[in-house]
């Protein structure tokens, strides 16, 4: 019976592998040979680079033996198939090669793409013409019925403390903190709630407002105007957008110049997409 050693158990061993010195010292250095198939330092490096962090942080000598044992075991197992590469394996290898080569080329193409000029252009496009945004600091009390909401309004008009009422009456998650919602801008609240707040003056209490969550009584605490962010505050976002713009334009250009033919959709059984048994034929 074949005894399979798990990678985790293997890397736990601390015995060093004694190998003769090779004339090669780089990625081509042969670390082991299995029935005539060489395992090189390059193979080892690639395996290590794809490991989860908890493995890559192990001591080099421990990780080295674990990786080598794993690759030797894989080589022994793989050669049992001879030259008979299963269809699903061949297709997976083709997909993987395609993806890796595409990523390799994109990395080269993007080198130097993020310049200050490009970042500034994206910033101007995104924020240059944007008007200062009004933000709101509001609190609310959420109840189930309109009658309950109207009763709350009456209590507040009679001098009741909004925060204390919210702590006692509100069914919303903000109730324990007095109904405080903090600062929010356009699009962050459901439309009915947002529209009610926009029409209020600071310090005012709203009439009952209905949303899908129930009935709200809202207090607008204060408002402020939020200016466009500084470049440094959104640099990461801007740089990512620069990369996306460059990639989109480059791919569009290459695709337009390529000879691409597609099989008509009416000639394709799209349900085959989930039929794994086709890979065995």
C-alpha atoms as a PDB file:
ATOM      1  CA  UNK A   1       0.000   0.000   0.000  1.00  0.00           C
ATOM      2  CA  UNK A   2       1.288   3.450  -0.890  1.00  0.00           C
ATOM      3  CA  UNK A   3       1.925   5.540   2.184  1.00  0.00           C
ATOM      4  CA  UNK A   4       1.280   9.228   1.475  1.00  0.00           C
ATOM      5  CA  UNK A   5       3.136  11.714   3.652  1.00  0.00           C
ATOM      6  CA  UNK A   6       1.265  14.988   4.120  1.00  0.00           C
ATOM      7  CA  UNK A   7       3.118  18.210   3.435  1.00  0.00           C
ATOM      8  CA  UNK A   8       2.402  19.510   6.922  1.00  0.00           C
ATOM      9  CA  UNK A   9       3.940  16.447   8.536  1.00  0.00           C
ATOM     10  CA  UNK A  10       6.897  16.587   6.190  1.00  0.00           C
ATOM     11  CA  UNK A  11       7.833  20.191   6.908  1.00  0.00           C
ATOM     12  CA  UNK A  12       7.702  19.458  10.619  1.00  0.00           C
ATOM     13  CA  UNK A  13      10.811  17.320  10.237  1.00  0.00           C
ATOM     14  CA  UNK A  14      14.107  19.070  10.900  1.00  0.00           C
ATOM     15  CA  UNK A  15      16.579  16.653   9.332  1.00  0.00           C
ATOM     16  CA  UNK A  16      18.596  18.320   6.562  1.00  0.00           C
ATOM     17  CA  UNK A  17      18.863  16.678   3.176  1.00  0.00           C
ATOM     18  CA  UNK A  18      22.470  15.930   2.303  1.00  0.00           C
ATOM     19  CA  UNK A  19      23.090  16.476  -1.406  1.00  0.00           C
ATOM     20  CA  UNK A  20      26.317  16.607  -3.402  1.00  0.00           C
ATOM     21  CA  UNK A  21      27.385  20.048  -4.573  1.00  0.00           C
ATOM     22  CA  UNK A  22      26.443  20.888  -8.142  1.00  0.00           C
ATOM     23  CA  UNK A  23      28.248  23.017 -10.663  1.00  0.00           C
ATOM     24  CA  UNK A  24      24.995  24.954 -11.138  1.00  0.00           C
ATOM     25  CA  UNK A  25      24.159  27.471  -8.414  1.00  0.00           C
ATOM     26  CA  UNK A  26      21.086  29.312  -9.738  1.00  0.00           C
ATOM     27  CA  UNK A  27      17.573  28.268 -10.701  1.00  0.00           C
ATOM     28  CA  UNK A  28      19.026  25.517 -12.929  1.00  0.00           C
ATOM     29  CA  UNK A  29      20.824  23.813 -10.044  1.00  0.00           C
ATOM     30  CA  UNK A  30      19.688  20.185  -9.906  1.00  0.00           C
ATOM     31  CA  UNK A  31      18.497  19.379  -6.404  1.00  0.00           C
ATOM     32  CA  UNK A  32      17.361  15.805  -7.039  1.00  0.00           C
ATOM     33  CA  UNK A  33      16.747  13.403  -9.924  1.00  0.00           C
ATOM     34  CA  UNK A  34      13.834  10.966  -9.964  1.00  0.00           C
ATOM     35  CA  UNK A  35      14.094   8.202 -12.563  1.00  0.00           C
ATOM     36  CA  UNK A  36      15.902  10.597 -14.883  1.00  0.00           C
ATOM     37  CA  UNK A  37      13.645  13.620 -14.232  1.00  0.00           C
ATOM     38  CA  UNK A  38      15.509  16.582 -12.724  1.00  0.00           C
ATOM     39  CA  UNK A  39      14.098  18.661  -9.898  1.00  0.00           C
ATOM     40  CA  UNK A  40      15.811  22.053  -9.925  1.00  0.00           C
ATOM     41  CA  UNK A  41      16.108  24.968  -7.536  1.00  0.00           C
ATOM     42  CA  UNK A  42      13.738  26.807  -9.868  1.00  0.00           C
ATOM     43  CA  UNK A  43      11.037  24.198  -9.278  1.00  0.00           C
ATOM     44  CA  UNK A  44      11.565  24.578  -5.530  1.00  0.00           C
ATOM     45  CA  UNK A  45      11.376  28.370  -5.659  1.00  0.00           C
ATOM     46  CA  UNK A  46       8.097  28.315  -7.581  1.00  0.00           C
ATOM     47  CA  UNK A  47       6.530  25.898  -5.072  1.00  0.00           C
ATOM     48  CA  UNK A  48       7.616  28.031  -2.124  1.00  0.00           C
ATOM     49  CA  UNK A  49       6.262  31.223  -3.687  1.00  0.00           C
ATOM     50  CA  UNK A  50       2.789  29.702  -3.900  1.00  0.00           C
ATOM     51  CA  UNK A  51       2.637  28.442  -0.314  1.00  0.00           C
ATOM     52  CA  UNK A  52       0.417  30.063   2.371  1.00  0.00           C
ATOM     53  CA  UNK A  53       2.218  32.467   4.693  1.00  0.00           C
ATOM     54  CA  UNK A  54       2.209  30.046   7.625  1.00  0.00           C
ATOM     55  CA  UNK A  55       4.424  27.674   5.604  1.00  0.00           C
ATOM     56  CA  UNK A  56       6.647  30.304   4.006  1.00  0.00           C
ATOM     57  CA  UNK A  57       7.558  31.616   7.459  1.00  0.00           C
ATOM     58  CA  UNK A  58       9.104  28.287   8.450  1.00  0.00           C
ATOM     59  CA  UNK A  59      12.926  28.061   8.700  1.00  0.00           C
ATOM     60  CA  UNK A  60      14.589  27.589   5.295  1.00  0.00           C
ATOM     61  CA  UNK A  61      16.085  24.202   6.130  1.00  0.00           C
ATOM     62  CA  UNK A  62      12.730  22.828   7.308  1.00  0.00           C
ATOM     63  CA  UNK A  63      10.823  24.225   4.364  1.00  0.00           C
ATOM     64  CA  UNK A  64      13.472  23.036   1.890  1.00  0.00           C
ATOM     65  CA  UNK A  65      13.137  19.403   2.913  1.00  0.00           C
ATOM     66  CA  UNK A  66       9.359  19.570   3.004  1.00  0.00           C
ATOM     67  CA  UNK A  67       9.131  21.045  -0.485  1.00  0.00           C
ATOM     68  CA  UNK A  68      11.674  18.622  -1.941  1.00  0.00           C
ATOM     69  CA  UNK A  69       9.917  15.607  -0.438  1.00  0.00           C
ATOM     70  CA  UNK A  70       6.615  16.863  -1.844  1.00  0.00           C
ATOM     71  CA  UNK A  71       8.001  17.384  -5.358  1.00  0.00           C
ATOM     72  CA  UNK A  72       9.714  13.973  -5.326  1.00  0.00           C
ATOM     73  CA  UNK A  73       6.441  12.315  -4.295  1.00  0.00           C
ATOM     74  CA  UNK A  74       4.530  14.187  -6.998  1.00  0.00           C
ATOM     75  CA  UNK A  75       7.104  13.204  -9.604  1.00  0.00           C
ATOM     76  CA  UNK A  76       6.925   9.531  -8.650  1.00  0.00           C
ATOM     77  CA  UNK A  77       3.131   9.607  -8.785  1.00  0.00           C
ATOM     78  CA  UNK A  78       2.915  11.604 -12.011  1.00  0.00           C
ATOM     79  CA  UNK A  79       5.237   9.323 -13.944  1.00  0.00           C
ATOM     80  CA  UNK A  80       2.874   6.429 -13.298  1.00  0.00           C
ATOM     81  CA  UNK A  81       0.612   7.986 -15.929  1.00  0.00           C
ATOM     82  CA  UNK A  82       3.437   7.957 -18.460  1.00  0.00           C
ATOM     83  CA  UNK A  83       2.716  10.194 -21.458  1.00  0.00           C
ATOM     84  CA  UNK A  84      -1.027   9.783 -21.020  1.00  0.00           C
ATOM     85  CA  UNK A  85      -2.101  13.264 -19.918  1.00  0.00           C
ATOM     86  CA  UNK A  86      -5.829  13.239 -19.019  1.00  0.00           C
ATOM     87  CA  UNK A  87      -7.937  15.738 -20.953  1.00  0.00           C
ATOM     88  CA  UNK A  88      -8.944  17.690 -17.859  1.00  0.00           C
ATOM     89  CA  UNK A  89      -5.290  18.023 -16.816  1.00  0.00           C
ATOM     90  CA  UNK A  90      -4.248  19.184 -20.289  1.00  0.00           C
ATOM     91  CA  UNK A  91      -7.020  21.794 -20.356  1.00  0.00           C
ATOM     92  CA  UNK A  92      -6.186  23.002 -16.861  1.00  0.00           C
ATOM     93  CA  UNK A  93      -2.512  23.360 -17.807  1.00  0.00           C
ATOM     94  CA  UNK A  94      -3.435  25.321 -20.932  1.00  0.00           C
ATOM     95  CA  UNK A  95      -5.662  27.650 -18.919  1.00  0.00           C
ATOM     96  CA  UNK A  96      -3.011  28.120 -16.266  1.00  0.00           C
ATOM     97  CA  UNK A  97      -0.297  28.839 -18.837  1.00  0.00           C
ATOM     98  CA  UNK A  98      -2.566  31.312 -20.629  1.00  0.00           C
ATOM     99  CA  UNK A  99      -3.396  33.121 -17.386  1.00  0.00           C
ATOM    100  CA  UNK A 100       0.195  33.246 -16.188  1.00  0.00           C
ATOM    101  CA  UNK A 101       1.551  34.490 -19.515  1.00  0.00           C
ATOM    102  CA  UNK A 102      -1.162  37.158 -19.662  1.00  0.00           C
ATOM    103  CA  UNK A 103      -0.325  38.297 -16.124  1.00  0.00           C
ATOM    104  CA  UNK A 104       3.387  38.322 -16.955  1.00  0.00           C
ATOM    105  CA  UNK A 105       2.797  40.530 -19.971  1.00  0.00           C
ATOM    106  CA  UNK A 106       0.480  42.876 -18.072  1.00  0.00           C
ATOM    107  CA  UNK A 107       3.103  43.352 -15.372  1.00  0.00           C
ATOM    108  CA  UNK A 108       5.627  44.381 -18.016  1.00  0.00           C
ATOM    109  CA  UNK A 109       3.139  46.614 -19.795  1.00  0.00           C
ATOM    110  CA  UNK A 110       2.127  48.404 -16.582  1.00  0.00           C
ATOM    111  CA  UNK A 111       5.704  49.150 -15.571  1.00  0.00           C
ATOM    112  CA  UNK A 112       5.944  52.920 -15.407  1.00  0.00           C
ATOM    113  CA  UNK A 113       2.255  53.437 -16.167  1.00  0.00           C
ATOM    114  CA  UNK A 114       1.520  55.133 -12.846  1.00  0.00           C
ATOM    115  CA  UNK A 115       2.954  58.631 -13.205  1.00  0.00           C
ATOM    116  CA  UNK A 116       2.075  61.827 -11.378  1.00  0.00           C
ATOM    117  CA  UNK A 117       0.554  63.166 -14.586  1.00  0.00           C
ATOM    118  CA  UNK A 118      -1.669  60.108 -14.958  1.00  0.00           C
ATOM    119  CA  UNK A 119      -2.709  60.239 -11.303  1.00  0.00           C
ATOM    120  CA  UNK A 120      -3.549  63.940 -11.570  1.00  0.00           C
ATOM    121  CA  UNK A 121      -5.576  63.342 -14.733  1.00  0.00           C
ATOM    122  CA  UNK A 122      -7.686  60.688 -13.011  1.00  0.00           C
ATOM    123  CA  UNK A 123      -8.078  62.927  -9.948  1.00  0.00           C
ATOM    124  CA  UNK A 124      -9.271  65.843 -12.070  1.00  0.00           C
ATOM    125  CA  UNK A 125     -11.668  63.573 -13.958  1.00  0.00           C
ATOM    126  CA  UNK A 126     -13.075  62.096 -10.740  1.00  0.00           C
ATOM    127  CA  UNK A 127     -13.125  65.070  -8.402  1.00  0.00           C
ATOM    128  CA  UNK A 128     -12.297  68.160 -10.456  1.00  0.00           C
ATOM    129  CA  UNK A 129     -15.846  69.093 -11.401  1.00  0.00           C
ATOM    130  CA  UNK A 130     -17.506  67.690  -8.311  1.00  0.00           C
ATOM    131  CA  UNK A 131     -19.468  70.161  -6.210  1.00  0.00           C
ATOM    132  CA  UNK A 132     -18.849  70.097  -2.449  1.00  0.00           C
ATOM    133  CA  UNK A 133     -21.041  67.407  -0.913  1.00  0.00           C
ATOM    134  CA  UNK A 134     -23.428  68.157   1.918  1.00  0.00           C
ATOM    135  CA  UNK A 135     -23.284  65.706   4.798  1.00  0.00           C
ATOM    136  CA  UNK A 136     -25.710  65.173   7.644  1.00  0.00           C
ATOM    137  CA  UNK A 137     -25.437  64.173  11.280  1.00  0.00           C
ATOM    138  CA  UNK A 138     -28.798  62.786  12.354  1.00  0.00           C
ATOM    139  CA  UNK A 139     -30.443  60.632  14.992  1.00  0.00           C
ATOM    140  CA  UNK A 140     -33.654  58.662  14.720  1.00  0.00           C
ATOM    141  CA  UNK A 141     -36.167  56.621  16.654  1.00  0.00           C
ATOM    142  CA  UNK A 142     -37.502  53.581  14.813  1.00  0.00           C
ATOM    143  CA  UNK A 143     -40.898  52.090  15.724  1.00  0.00           C
ATOM    144  CA  UNK A 144     -43.326  49.706  14.050  1.00  0.00           C
ATOM    145  CA  UNK A 145     -46.426  51.866  13.510  1.00  0.00           C
ATOM    146  CA  UNK A 146     -47.328  55.391  12.448  1.00  0.00           C
ATOM    147  CA  UNK A 147     -49.363  55.830  15.641  1.00  0.00           C
ATOM    148  CA  UNK A 148     -46.284  55.110  17.761  1.00  0.00           C
ATOM    149  CA  UNK A 149     -44.252  57.574  15.693  1.00  0.00           C
ATOM    150  CA  UNK A 150     -46.878  60.317  16.069  1.00  0.00           C
ATOM    151  CA  UNK A 151     -46.964  59.749  19.819  1.00  0.00           C
ATOM    152  CA  UNK A 152     -43.181  60.190  19.917  1.00  0.00           C
ATOM    153  CA  UNK A 153     -43.429  63.468  18.009  1.00  0.00           C
ATOM    154  CA  UNK A 154     -45.953  64.722  20.551  1.00  0.00           C
ATOM    155  CA  UNK A 155     -43.666  63.782  23.437  1.00  0.00           C
ATOM    156  CA  UNK A 156     -40.723  65.540  21.794  1.00  0.00           C
ATOM    157  CA  UNK A 157     -42.791  68.663  21.134  1.00  0.00           C
ATOM    158  CA  UNK A 158     -43.682  68.582  24.825  1.00  0.00           C
ATOM    159  CA  UNK A 159     -40.000  68.757  25.777  1.00  0.00           C
ATOM    160  CA  UNK A 160     -38.967  65.097  26.028  1.00  0.00           C
ATOM    161  CA  UNK A 161     -35.276  64.333  25.478  1.00  0.00           C
ATOM    162  CA  UNK A 162     -34.709  62.751  22.052  1.00  0.00           C
ATOM    163  CA  UNK A 163     -31.765  60.551  23.056  1.00  0.00           C
ATOM    164  CA  UNK A 164     -33.532  59.208  26.144  1.00  0.00           C
ATOM    165  CA  UNK A 165     -36.664  58.398  24.143  1.00  0.00           C
ATOM    166  CA  UNK A 166     -34.543  56.612  21.543  1.00  0.00           C
ATOM    167  CA  UNK A 167     -32.887  54.450  24.195  1.00  0.00           C
ATOM    168  CA  UNK A 168     -36.280  53.382  25.541  1.00  0.00           C
ATOM    169  CA  UNK A 169     -38.510  53.286  22.437  1.00  0.00           C
ATOM    170  CA  UNK A 170     -36.359  52.668  19.337  1.00  0.00           C
ATOM    171  CA  UNK A 171     -36.276  49.185  17.840  1.00  0.00           C
ATOM    172  CA  UNK A 172     -33.287  50.036  15.641  1.00  0.00           C
ATOM    173  CA  UNK A 173     -29.659  49.119  16.395  1.00  0.00           C
ATOM    174  CA  UNK A 174     -28.821  52.780  17.079  1.00  0.00           C
ATOM    175  CA  UNK A 175     -31.331  52.927  19.972  1.00  0.00           C
ATOM    176  CA  UNK A 176     -28.838  52.145  22.764  1.00  0.00           C
ATOM    177  CA  UNK A 177     -26.701  55.110  21.691  1.00  0.00           C
ATOM    178  CA  UNK A 178     -29.608  57.523  21.679  1.00  0.00           C
ATOM    179  CA  UNK A 179     -30.499  56.943  18.031  1.00  0.00           C
ATOM    180  CA  UNK A 180     -27.262  58.527  16.788  1.00  0.00           C
ATOM    181  CA  UNK A 181     -26.450  57.607  13.163  1.00  0.00           C
ATOM    182  CA  UNK A 182     -23.329  59.733  12.767  1.00  0.00           C
ATOM    183  CA  UNK A 183     -22.372  61.515   9.567  1.00  0.00           C
ATOM    184  CA  UNK A 184     -23.666  60.332   6.201  1.00  0.00           C
ATOM    185  CA  UNK A 185     -23.890  61.668   2.670  1.00  0.00           C
ATOM    186  CA  UNK A 186     -26.026  61.267  -0.407  1.00  0.00           C
ATOM    187  CA  UNK A 187     -26.905  57.671  -1.257  1.00  0.00           C
ATOM    188  CA  UNK A 188     -26.046  56.207   2.151  1.00  0.00           C
ATOM    189  CA  UNK A 189     -29.602  56.091   3.463  1.00  0.00           C
ATOM    190  CA  UNK A 190     -32.799  54.751   1.895  1.00  0.00           C
ATOM    191  CA  UNK A 191     -34.453  57.394  -0.335  1.00  0.00           C
ATOM    192  CA  UNK A 192     -37.413  58.284   1.915  1.00  0.00           C
ATOM    193  CA  UNK A 193     -35.122  58.815   4.914  1.00  0.00           C
ATOM    194  CA  UNK A 194     -32.588  60.805   2.888  1.00  0.00           C
ATOM    195  CA  UNK A 195     -35.239  63.033   1.299  1.00  0.00           C
ATOM    196  CA  UNK A 196     -36.710  63.852   4.695  1.00  0.00           C
ATOM    197  CA  UNK A 197     -33.320  64.827   6.117  1.00  0.00           C
ATOM    198  CA  UNK A 198     -32.456  67.039   3.127  1.00  0.00           C
ATOM    199  CA  UNK A 199     -35.557  69.158   3.746  1.00  0.00           C
ATOM    200  CA  UNK A 200     -34.861  69.693   7.453  1.00  0.00           C
ATOM    201  CA  UNK A 201     -33.099  72.464   9.355  1.00  0.00           C
ATOM    202  CA  UNK A 202     -30.445  71.634  11.942  1.00  0.00           C
ATOM    203  CA  UNK A 203     -32.094  70.929  15.306  1.00  0.00           C
ATOM    204  CA  UNK A 204     -35.500  70.125  13.779  1.00  0.00           C
ATOM    205  CA  UNK A 205     -37.617  67.043  14.422  1.00  0.00           C
ATOM    206  CA  UNK A 206     -39.333  65.377  11.452  1.00  0.00           C
ATOM    207  CA  UNK A 207     -42.889  64.195  11.050  1.00  0.00           C
ATOM    208  CA  UNK A 208     -43.122  60.370  10.934  1.00  0.00           C
ATOM    209  CA  UNK A 209     -41.233  58.944   7.929  1.00  0.00           C
ATOM    210  CA  UNK A 210     -41.997  55.475   6.585  1.00  0.00           C
ATOM    211  CA  UNK A 211     -39.354  53.161   5.067  1.00  0.00           C
ATOM    212  CA  UNK A 212     -39.137  49.410   4.593  1.00  0.00           C
ATOM    213  CA  UNK A 213     -37.721  49.205   8.123  1.00  0.00           C
ATOM    214  CA  UNK A 214     -40.675  50.830   9.853  1.00  0.00           C
ATOM    215  CA  UNK A 215     -41.548  54.361  10.960  1.00  0.00           C
ATOM    216  CA  UNK A 216     -38.869  56.889  11.828  1.00  0.00           C
ATOM    217  CA  UNK A 217     -38.835  60.091  13.826  1.00  0.00           C
ATOM    218  CA  UNK A 218     -35.697  61.947  12.795  1.00  0.00           C
ATOM    219  CA  UNK A 219     -33.687  64.689  14.437  1.00  0.00           C
ATOM    220  CA  UNK A 220     -31.149  66.519  12.283  1.00  0.00           C
ATOM    221  CA  UNK A 221     -28.309  67.437  14.597  1.00  0.00           C
ATOM    222  CA  UNK A 222     -26.121  69.410  12.177  1.00  0.00           C
ATOM    223  CA  UNK A 223     -24.853  69.604   8.596  1.00  0.00           C
ATOM    224  CA  UNK A 224     -21.485  70.231   6.986  1.00  0.00           C
ATOM    225  CA  UNK A 225     -19.986  70.609   3.557  1.00  0.00           C
ATOM    226  CA  UNK A 226     -17.427  68.012   2.538  1.00  0.00           C
ATOM    227  CA  UNK A 227     -14.884  69.190  -0.015  1.00  0.00           C
ATOM    228  CA  UNK A 228     -13.189  66.927  -2.547  1.00  0.00           C
ATOM    229  CA  UNK A 229     -10.441  64.788  -0.939  1.00  0.00           C
ATOM    230  CA  UNK A 230      -6.794  65.659  -1.364  1.00  0.00           C
ATOM    231  CA  UNK A 231      -4.785  63.627  -3.858  1.00  0.00           C
ATOM    232  CA  UNK A 232      -2.759  61.946  -1.111  1.00  0.00           C
ATOM    233  CA  UNK A 233      -5.906  60.855   0.709  1.00  0.00           C
ATOM    234  CA  UNK A 234      -7.087  58.867  -2.320  1.00  0.00           C
ATOM    235  CA  UNK A 235      -3.765  58.087  -3.996  1.00  0.00           C
ATOM    236  CA  UNK A 236      -4.152  54.306  -3.766  1.00  0.00           C
ATOM    237  CA  UNK A 237      -7.603  54.525  -5.359  1.00  0.00           C
ATOM    238  CA  UNK A 238      -6.305  56.851  -8.091  1.00  0.00           C
ATOM    239  CA  UNK A 239      -3.303  54.661  -8.896  1.00  0.00           C
ATOM    240  CA  UNK A 240      -5.529  51.613  -9.178  1.00  0.00           C
ATOM    241  CA  UNK A 241      -7.810  53.510 -11.550  1.00  0.00           C
ATOM    242  CA  UNK A 242      -4.800  54.514 -13.666  1.00  0.00           C
ATOM    243  CA  UNK A 243      -3.816  50.856 -13.977  1.00  0.00           C
ATOM    244  CA  UNK A 244      -7.354  49.845 -14.870  1.00  0.00           C
ATOM    245  CA  UNK A 245      -7.585  52.551 -17.533  1.00  0.00           C
ATOM    246  CA  UNK A 246      -4.277  51.505 -19.083  1.00  0.00           C
ATOM    247  CA  UNK A 247      -5.220  47.815 -19.029  1.00  0.00           C
ATOM    248  CA  UNK A 248      -8.680  48.426 -20.513  1.00  0.00           C
ATOM    249  CA  UNK A 249      -7.308  50.576 -23.327  1.00  0.00           C
ATOM    250  CA  UNK A 250      -4.483  48.146 -24.087  1.00  0.00           C
ATOM    251  CA  UNK A 251      -6.713  45.064 -24.142  1.00  0.00           C
ATOM    252  CA  UNK A 252      -9.282  46.856 -26.289  1.00  0.00           C
ATOM    253  CA  UNK A 253      -6.542  47.779 -28.765  1.00  0.00           C
ATOM    254  CA  UNK A 254      -5.134  44.232 -28.922  1.00  0.00           C
ATOM    255  CA  UNK A 255      -8.559  42.640 -29.215  1.00  0.00           C
ATOM    256  CA  UNK A 256      -9.584  45.017 -31.998  1.00  0.00           C
ATOM    257  CA  UNK A 257      -6.454  44.090 -33.948  1.00  0.00           C
ATOM    258  CA  UNK A 258      -6.837  40.340 -33.363  1.00  0.00           C
ATOM    259  CA  UNK A 259      -8.663  37.939 -35.630  1.00  0.00           C
ATOM    260  CA  UNK A 260     -11.436  36.604 -33.438  1.00  0.00           C
ATOM    261  CA  UNK A 261     -14.216  34.303 -34.572  1.00  0.00           C
ATOM    262  CA  UNK A 262     -17.015  33.143 -32.297  1.00  0.00           C
ATOM    263  CA  UNK A 263     -19.368  30.225 -32.732  1.00  0.00           C
ATOM    264  CA  UNK A 264     -22.972  31.412 -32.977  1.00  0.00           C
ATOM    265  CA  UNK A 265     -24.789  31.081 -29.651  1.00  0.00           C
ATOM    266  CA  UNK A 266     -27.655  29.156 -31.242  1.00  0.00           C
ATOM    267  CA  UNK A 267     -25.166  26.416 -32.102  1.00  0.00           C
ATOM    268  CA  UNK A 268     -23.951  26.055 -28.508  1.00  0.00           C
ATOM    269  CA  UNK A 269     -25.577  24.111 -25.685  1.00  0.00           C
ATOM    270  CA  UNK A 270     -24.668  26.458 -22.833  1.00  0.00           C
ATOM    271  CA  UNK A 271     -25.808  23.899 -20.245  1.00  0.00           C
ATOM    272  CA  UNK A 272     -22.649  21.920 -21.092  1.00  0.00           C
ATOM    273  CA  UNK A 273     -20.700  24.514 -19.137  1.00  0.00           C
ATOM    274  CA  UNK A 274     -21.404  22.629 -15.904  1.00  0.00           C
ATOM    275  CA  UNK A 275     -21.039  19.106 -17.290  1.00  0.00           C
ATOM    276  CA  UNK A 276     -17.737  17.841 -15.887  1.00  0.00           C
ATOM    277  CA  UNK A 277     -18.251  14.438 -17.516  1.00  0.00           C
ATOM    278  CA  UNK A 278     -17.418  15.997 -20.895  1.00  0.00           C
ATOM    279  CA  UNK A 279     -13.804  16.313 -19.737  1.00  0.00           C
ATOM    280  CA  UNK A 280     -13.547  12.550 -19.569  1.00  0.00           C
ATOM    281  CA  UNK A 281     -14.508  12.019 -23.233  1.00  0.00           C
END
